[in-house]
């Protein structure tokens, strides 16, 4: 079992930390236009916000909502 410190490093290292969800969402929107399907999310380890790929179940919910899945 890994320590909390190790999980935090793994979660936050190498990622840009945004102070507000609005700034993170703005960055995600710019990347979305470029073809990267990213979203902003709150980090439970550092208390800031990051941009990352959507989880598979979130992508499926969006696709179902838009009528893309049968």
PDB file of N, CA and C in Angstrom:
ATOM      1  N   UNK A   1       0.848  -1.173   0.000  1.00  0.00           N
ATOM      2  CA  UNK A   1       0.000   0.000   0.000  1.00  0.00           C
ATOM      3  C   UNK A   1       0.894   1.237   0.000  1.00  0.00           C
ATOM      4  N   UNK A   2       0.564   2.155  -0.867  1.00  0.00           N
ATOM      5  CA  UNK A   2       1.407   3.341  -0.959  1.00  0.00           C
ATOM      6  C   UNK A   2       0.973   4.396   0.059  1.00  0.00           C
ATOM      7  N   UNK A   3       1.927   5.226   0.410  1.00  0.00           N
ATOM      8  CA  UNK A   3       1.657   6.264   1.404  1.00  0.00           C
ATOM      9  C   UNK A   3       0.878   7.422   0.779  1.00  0.00           C
ATOM     10  N   UNK A   4       0.286   8.256   1.628  1.00  0.00           N
ATOM     11  CA  UNK A   4      -0.446   9.415   1.139  1.00  0.00           C
ATOM     12  C   UNK A   4       0.483  10.366   0.395  1.00  0.00           C
ATOM     13  N   UNK A   5       1.684  10.507   0.900  1.00  0.00           N
ATOM     14  CA  UNK A   5       2.654  11.397   0.269  1.00  0.00           C
ATOM     15  C   UNK A   5       2.976  10.914  -1.146  1.00  0.00           C
ATOM     16  N   UNK A   6       3.159   9.618  -1.296  1.00  0.00           N
ATOM     17  CA  UNK A   6       3.457   9.045  -2.611  1.00  0.00           C
ATOM     18  C   UNK A   6       2.284   9.269  -3.571  1.00  0.00           C
ATOM     19  N   UNK A   7       1.053   9.059  -3.102  1.00  0.00           N
ATOM     20  CA  UNK A   7      -0.124   9.266  -3.955  1.00  0.00           C
ATOM     21  C   UNK A   7      -0.246  10.726  -4.351  1.00  0.00           C
ATOM     22  N   UNK A   8       0.043  11.642  -3.426  1.00  0.00           N
ATOM     23  CA  UNK A   8      -0.043  13.070  -3.746  1.00  0.00           C
ATOM     24  C   UNK A   8       0.981  13.437  -4.812  1.00  0.00           C
ATOM     25  N   UNK A   9       2.197  12.957  -4.634  1.00  0.00           N
ATOM     26  CA  UNK A   9       3.233  13.238  -5.640  1.00  0.00           C
ATOM     27  C   UNK A   9       2.818  12.710  -6.992  1.00  0.00           C
ATOM     28  N   UNK A  10       2.267  11.516  -7.013  1.00  0.00           N
ATOM     29  CA  UNK A  10       1.853  10.901  -8.268  1.00  0.00           C
ATOM     30  C   UNK A  10       0.701  11.684  -8.897  1.00  0.00           C
ATOM     31  N   UNK A  11      -0.224  12.172  -8.090  1.00  0.00           N
ATOM     32  CA  UNK A  11      -1.380  12.907  -8.588  1.00  0.00           C
ATOM     33  C   UNK A  11      -1.010  14.306  -9.080  1.00  0.00           C
ATOM     34  N   UNK A  12      -0.143  14.993  -8.383  1.00  0.00           N
ATOM     35  CA  UNK A  12       0.108  16.405  -8.660  1.00  0.00           C
ATOM     36  C   UNK A  12       1.404  16.691  -9.411  1.00  0.00           C
ATOM     37  N   UNK A  13       2.344  15.791  -9.380  1.00  0.00           N
ATOM     38  CA  UNK A  13       3.641  16.094  -9.997  1.00  0.00           C
ATOM     39  C   UNK A  13       3.509  16.173 -11.512  1.00  0.00           C
ATOM     40  N   UNK A  14       4.112  17.193 -12.067  1.00  0.00           N
ATOM     41  CA  UNK A  14       4.104  17.384 -13.508  1.00  0.00           C
ATOM     42  C   UNK A  14       2.831  18.024 -14.035  1.00  0.00           C
ATOM     43  N   UNK A  15       1.924  18.405 -13.162  1.00  0.00           N
ATOM     44  CA  UNK A  15       0.672  19.020 -13.593  1.00  0.00           C
ATOM     45  C   UNK A  15       0.672  20.498 -13.230  1.00  0.00           C
ATOM     46  N   UNK A  16      -0.002  21.263 -14.057  1.00  0.00           N
ATOM     47  CA  UNK A  16      -0.164  22.685 -13.770  1.00  0.00           C
ATOM     48  C   UNK A  16      -1.260  22.823 -12.731  1.00  0.00           C
ATOM     49  N   UNK A  17      -0.998  23.625 -11.708  1.00  0.00           N
ATOM     50  CA  UNK A  17      -1.984  23.860 -10.636  1.00  0.00           C
ATOM     51  C   UNK A  17      -2.623  25.215 -10.871  1.00  0.00           C
ATOM     52  N   UNK A  18      -3.940  25.219 -10.993  1.00  0.00           N
ATOM     53  CA  UNK A  18      -4.700  26.453 -11.161  1.00  0.00           C
ATOM     54  C   UNK A  18      -5.351  26.803  -9.832  1.00  0.00           C
ATOM     55  N   UNK A  19      -5.463  28.101  -9.561  1.00  0.00           N
ATOM     56  CA  UNK A  19      -6.028  28.561  -8.299  1.00  0.00           C
ATOM     57  C   UNK A  19      -7.556  28.565  -8.306  1.00  0.00           C
ATOM     58  N   UNK A  20      -8.160  28.603  -9.500  1.00  0.00           N
ATOM     59  CA  UNK A  20      -9.628  28.634  -9.570  1.00  0.00           C
ATOM     60  C   UNK A  20     -10.103  27.662 -10.642  1.00  0.00           C
ATOM     61  N   UNK A  21     -11.323  27.202 -10.475  1.00  0.00           N
ATOM     62  CA  UNK A  21     -11.920  26.292 -11.449  1.00  0.00           C
ATOM     63  C   UNK A  21     -12.135  27.006 -12.788  1.00  0.00           C
ATOM     64  N   UNK A  22     -12.372  28.309 -12.734  1.00  0.00           N
ATOM     65  CA  UNK A  22     -12.588  29.076 -13.959  1.00  0.00           C
ATOM     66  C   UNK A  22     -11.342  29.093 -14.833  1.00  0.00           C
ATOM     67  N   UNK A  23     -10.189  29.298 -14.211  1.00  0.00           N
ATOM     68  CA  UNK A  23      -8.937  29.303 -14.984  1.00  0.00           C
ATOM     69  C   UNK A  23      -8.622  27.920 -15.546  1.00  0.00           C
ATOM     70  N   UNK A  24      -8.850  26.896 -14.749  1.00  0.00           N
ATOM     71  CA  UNK A  24      -8.609  25.524 -15.209  1.00  0.00           C
ATOM     72  C   UNK A  24      -9.559  25.174 -16.348  1.00  0.00           C
ATOM     73  N   UNK A  25     -10.824  25.577 -16.223  1.00  0.00           N
ATOM     74  CA  UNK A  25     -11.800  25.289 -17.281  1.00  0.00           C
ATOM     75  C   UNK A  25     -11.454  26.050 -18.555  1.00  0.00           C
ATOM     76  N   UNK A  26     -10.949  27.259 -18.417  1.00  0.00           N
ATOM     77  CA  UNK A  26     -10.513  28.032 -19.584  1.00  0.00           C
ATOM     78  C   UNK A  26      -9.390  27.328 -20.324  1.00  0.00           C
ATOM     79  N   UNK A  27      -8.430  26.796 -19.581  1.00  0.00           N
ATOM     80  CA  UNK A  27      -7.326  26.054 -20.197  1.00  0.00           C
ATOM     81  C   UNK A  27      -7.840  24.780 -20.860  1.00  0.00           C
ATOM     82  N   UNK A  28      -8.776  24.092 -20.213  1.00  0.00           N
ATOM     83  CA  UNK A  28      -9.346  22.870 -20.783  1.00  0.00           C
ATOM     84  C   UNK A  28     -10.106  23.182 -22.066  1.00  0.00           C
ATOM     85  N   UNK A  29     -10.820  24.300 -22.086  1.00  0.00           N
ATOM     86  CA  UNK A  29     -11.565  24.689 -23.283  1.00  0.00           C
ATOM     87  C   UNK A  29     -10.635  24.968 -24.452  1.00  0.00           C
ATOM     88  N   UNK A  30      -9.519  25.628 -24.187  1.00  0.00           N
ATOM     89  CA  UNK A  30      -8.549  25.888 -25.255  1.00  0.00           C
ATOM     90  C   UNK A  30      -7.991  24.587 -25.825  1.00  0.00           C
ATOM     91  N   UNK A  31      -7.720  23.637 -24.953  1.00  0.00           N
ATOM     92  CA  UNK A  31      -7.197  22.353 -25.407  1.00  0.00           C
ATOM     93  C   UNK A  31      -8.272  21.531 -26.113  1.00  0.00           C
ATOM     94  N   UNK A  32      -9.541  21.694 -25.696  1.00  0.00           N
ATOM     95  CA  UNK A  32     -10.658  20.981 -26.323  1.00  0.00           C
ATOM     96  C   UNK A  32     -10.773  21.407 -27.786  1.00  0.00           C
ATOM     97  N   UNK A  33     -10.609  22.722 -28.039  1.00  0.00           N
ATOM     98  CA  UNK A  33     -10.677  23.247 -29.401  1.00  0.00           C
ATOM     99  C   UNK A  33      -9.578  22.625 -30.261  1.00  0.00           C
ATOM    100  N   UNK A  34      -8.443  22.331 -29.652  1.00  0.00           N
ATOM    101  CA  UNK A  34      -7.331  21.722 -30.381  1.00  0.00           C
ATOM    102  C   UNK A  34      -7.503  20.216 -30.560  1.00  0.00           C
ATOM    103  N   UNK A  35      -8.605  19.667 -30.038  1.00  0.00           N
ATOM    104  CA  UNK A  35      -8.887  18.247 -30.240  1.00  0.00           C
ATOM    105  C   UNK A  35      -8.620  17.350 -29.049  1.00  0.00           C
ATOM    106  N   UNK A  36      -8.134  17.911 -27.954  1.00  0.00           N
ATOM    107  CA  UNK A  36      -7.885  17.114 -26.758  1.00  0.00           C
ATOM    108  C   UNK A  36      -9.100  17.178 -25.856  1.00  0.00           C
ATOM    109  N   UNK A  37      -9.674  16.041 -25.539  1.00  0.00           N
ATOM    110  CA  UNK A  37     -10.883  15.988 -24.714  1.00  0.00           C
ATOM    111  C   UNK A  37     -10.481  16.007 -23.235  1.00  0.00           C
ATOM    112  N   UNK A  38     -10.299  17.213 -22.707  1.00  0.00           N
ATOM    113  CA  UNK A  38      -9.856  17.382 -21.325  1.00  0.00           C
ATOM    114  C   UNK A  38     -10.905  18.123 -20.517  1.00  0.00           C
ATOM    115  N   UNK A  39     -10.819  17.984 -19.200  1.00  0.00           N
ATOM    116  CA  UNK A  39     -11.741  18.667 -18.294  1.00  0.00           C
ATOM    117  C   UNK A  39     -10.975  19.183 -17.095  1.00  0.00           C
ATOM    118  N   UNK A  40     -11.560  20.143 -16.423  1.00  0.00           N
ATOM    119  CA  UNK A  40     -10.986  20.686 -15.189  1.00  0.00           C
ATOM    120  C   UNK A  40     -11.574  19.923 -14.013  1.00  0.00           C
ATOM    121  N   UNK A  41     -10.750  19.703 -12.996  1.00  0.00           N
ATOM    122  CA  UNK A  41     -11.231  19.006 -11.800  1.00  0.00           C
ATOM    123  C   UNK A  41     -10.477  19.501 -10.576  1.00  0.00           C
ATOM    124  N   UNK A  42     -11.135  19.405  -9.443  1.00  0.00           N
ATOM    125  CA  UNK A  42     -10.529  19.789  -8.172  1.00  0.00           C
ATOM    126  C   UNK A  42      -9.642  18.678  -7.650  1.00  0.00           C
ATOM    127  N   UNK A  43      -8.473  19.022  -7.154  1.00  0.00           N
ATOM    128  CA  UNK A  43      -7.525  18.041  -6.629  1.00  0.00           C
ATOM    129  C   UNK A  43      -7.706  17.916  -5.126  1.00  0.00           C
ATOM    130  N   UNK A  44      -7.938  16.713  -4.673  1.00  0.00           N
ATOM    131  CA  UNK A  44      -8.142  16.503  -3.236  1.00  0.00           C
ATOM    132  C   UNK A  44      -6.835  16.528  -2.454  1.00  0.00           C
ATOM    133  N   UNK A  45      -5.706  16.489  -3.146  1.00  0.00           N
ATOM    134  CA  UNK A  45      -4.415  16.467  -2.467  1.00  0.00           C
ATOM    135  C   UNK A  45      -3.840  17.867  -2.251  1.00  0.00           C
ATOM    136  N   UNK A  46      -3.893  18.711  -3.293  1.00  0.00           N
ATOM    137  CA  UNK A  46      -3.270  20.038  -3.148  1.00  0.00           C
ATOM    138  C   UNK A  46      -4.290  21.152  -2.958  1.00  0.00           C
ATOM    139  N   UNK A  47      -5.583  20.854  -3.153  1.00  0.00           N
ATOM    140  CA  UNK A  47      -6.608  21.867  -2.976  1.00  0.00           C
ATOM    141  C   UNK A  47      -6.757  22.798  -4.164  1.00  0.00           C
ATOM    142  N   UNK A  48      -5.944  22.629  -5.186  1.00  0.00           N
ATOM    143  CA  UNK A  48      -6.044  23.447  -6.397  1.00  0.00           C
ATOM    144  C   UNK A  48      -6.868  22.734  -7.446  1.00  0.00           C
ATOM    145  N   UNK A  49      -6.677  23.135  -8.689  1.00  0.00           N
ATOM    146  CA  UNK A  49      -7.403  22.541  -9.806  1.00  0.00           C
ATOM    147  C   UNK A  49      -6.412  22.142 -10.884  1.00  0.00           C
ATOM    148  N   UNK A  50      -6.701  21.055 -11.566  1.00  0.00           N
ATOM    149  CA  UNK A  50      -5.860  20.555 -12.648  1.00  0.00           C
ATOM    150  C   UNK A  50      -6.727  20.322 -13.873  1.00  0.00           C
ATOM    151  N   UNK A  51      -6.084  20.054 -15.001  1.00  0.00           N
ATOM    152  CA  UNK A  51      -6.758  19.700 -16.241  1.00  0.00           C
ATOM    153  C   UNK A  51      -6.287  18.301 -16.604  1.00  0.00           C
ATOM    154  N   UNK A  52      -7.244  17.436 -16.941  1.00  0.00           N
ATOM    155  CA  UNK A  52      -6.876  16.068 -17.292  1.00  0.00           C
ATOM    156  C   UNK A  52      -7.926  15.416 -18.161  1.00  0.00           C
ATOM    157  N   UNK A  53      -7.636  14.198 -18.588  1.00  0.00           N
ATOM    158  CA  UNK A  53      -8.561  13.444 -19.421  1.00  0.00           C
ATOM    159  C   UNK A  53      -9.795  13.054 -18.621  1.00  0.00           C
ATOM    160  N   UNK A  54     -10.900  12.946 -19.312  1.00  0.00           N
ATOM    161  CA  UNK A  54     -12.134  12.520 -18.667  1.00  0.00           C
ATOM    162  C   UNK A  54     -12.094  11.018 -18.421  1.00  0.00           C
ATOM    163  N   UNK A  55     -12.664  10.609 -17.307  1.00  0.00           N
ATOM    164  CA  UNK A  55     -12.762   9.188 -17.016  1.00  0.00           C
ATOM    165  C   UNK A  55     -13.731   8.562 -18.022  1.00  0.00           C
ATOM    166  N   UNK A  56     -13.528   7.286 -18.300  1.00  0.00           N
ATOM    167  CA  UNK A  56     -14.333   6.580 -19.289  1.00  0.00           C
ATOM    168  C   UNK A  56     -15.832   6.693 -18.999  1.00  0.00           C
ATOM    169  N   UNK A  57     -16.219   6.538 -17.729  1.00  0.00           N
ATOM    170  CA  UNK A  57     -17.650   6.591 -17.421  1.00  0.00           C
ATOM    171  C   UNK A  57     -18.221   7.984 -17.633  1.00  0.00           C
ATOM    172  N   UNK A  58     -17.419   9.027 -17.442  1.00  0.00           N
ATOM    173  CA  UNK A  58     -17.881  10.393 -17.694  1.00  0.00           C
ATOM    174  C   UNK A  58     -18.049  10.611 -19.191  1.00  0.00           C
ATOM    175  N   UNK A  59     -17.091  10.108 -19.990  1.00  0.00           N
ATOM    176  CA  UNK A  59     -17.201  10.215 -21.450  1.00  0.00           C
ATOM    177  C   UNK A  59     -18.447   9.506 -21.947  1.00  0.00           C
ATOM    178  N   UNK A  60     -18.734   8.325 -21.399  1.00  0.00           N
ATOM    179  CA  UNK A  60     -19.917   7.565 -21.817  1.00  0.00           C
ATOM    180  C   UNK A  60     -21.203   8.286 -21.449  1.00  0.00           C
ATOM    181  N   UNK A  61     -21.241   8.889 -20.267  1.00  0.00           N
ATOM    182  CA  UNK A  61     -22.435   9.641 -19.870  1.00  0.00           C
ATOM    183  C   UNK A  61     -22.677  10.811 -20.818  1.00  0.00           C
ATOM    184  N   UNK A  62     -21.606  11.535 -21.161  1.00  0.00           N
ATOM    185  CA  UNK A  62     -21.746  12.656 -22.091  1.00  0.00           C
ATOM    186  C   UNK A  62     -22.222  12.177 -23.454  1.00  0.00           C
ATOM    187  N   UNK A  63     -21.651  11.088 -23.934  1.00  0.00           N
ATOM    188  CA  UNK A  63     -22.044  10.554 -25.232  1.00  0.00           C
ATOM    189  C   UNK A  63     -23.504  10.101 -25.213  1.00  0.00           C
ATOM    190  N   UNK A  64     -23.935   9.464 -24.137  1.00  0.00           N
ATOM    191  CA  UNK A  64     -25.318   9.021 -24.017  1.00  0.00           C
ATOM    192  C   UNK A  64     -26.262  10.217 -23.965  1.00  0.00           C
ATOM    193  N   UNK A  65     -25.846  11.249 -23.252  1.00  0.00           N
ATOM    194  CA  UNK A  65     -26.659  12.466 -23.128  1.00  0.00           C
ATOM    195  C   UNK A  65     -26.841  13.134 -24.492  1.00  0.00           C
ATOM    196  N   UNK A  66     -25.807  13.065 -25.305  1.00  0.00           N
ATOM    197  CA  UNK A  66     -25.850  13.677 -26.626  1.00  0.00           C
ATOM    198  C   UNK A  66     -26.460  12.758 -27.679  1.00  0.00           C
ATOM    199  N   UNK A  67     -26.813  11.548 -27.283  1.00  0.00           N
ATOM    200  CA  UNK A  67     -27.441  10.605 -28.210  1.00  0.00           C
ATOM    201  C   UNK A  67     -26.461   9.894 -29.123  1.00  0.00           C
ATOM    202  N   UNK A  68     -25.207   9.843 -28.736  1.00  0.00           N
ATOM    203  CA  UNK A  68     -24.199   9.186 -29.565  1.00  0.00           C
ATOM    204  C   UNK A  68     -24.069   7.699 -29.276  1.00  0.00           C
ATOM    205  N   UNK A  69     -24.523   7.273 -28.114  1.00  0.00           N
ATOM    206  CA  UNK A  69     -24.484   5.853 -27.764  1.00  0.00           C
ATOM    207  C   UNK A  69     -25.883   5.265 -27.868  1.00  0.00           C
ATOM    208  N   UNK A  70     -25.925   4.019 -28.199  1.00  0.00           N
ATOM    209  CA  UNK A  70     -27.228   3.322 -28.263  1.00  0.00           C
ATOM    210  C   UNK A  70     -27.438   2.485 -27.044  1.00  0.00           C
TER     211      UNK A  70
END
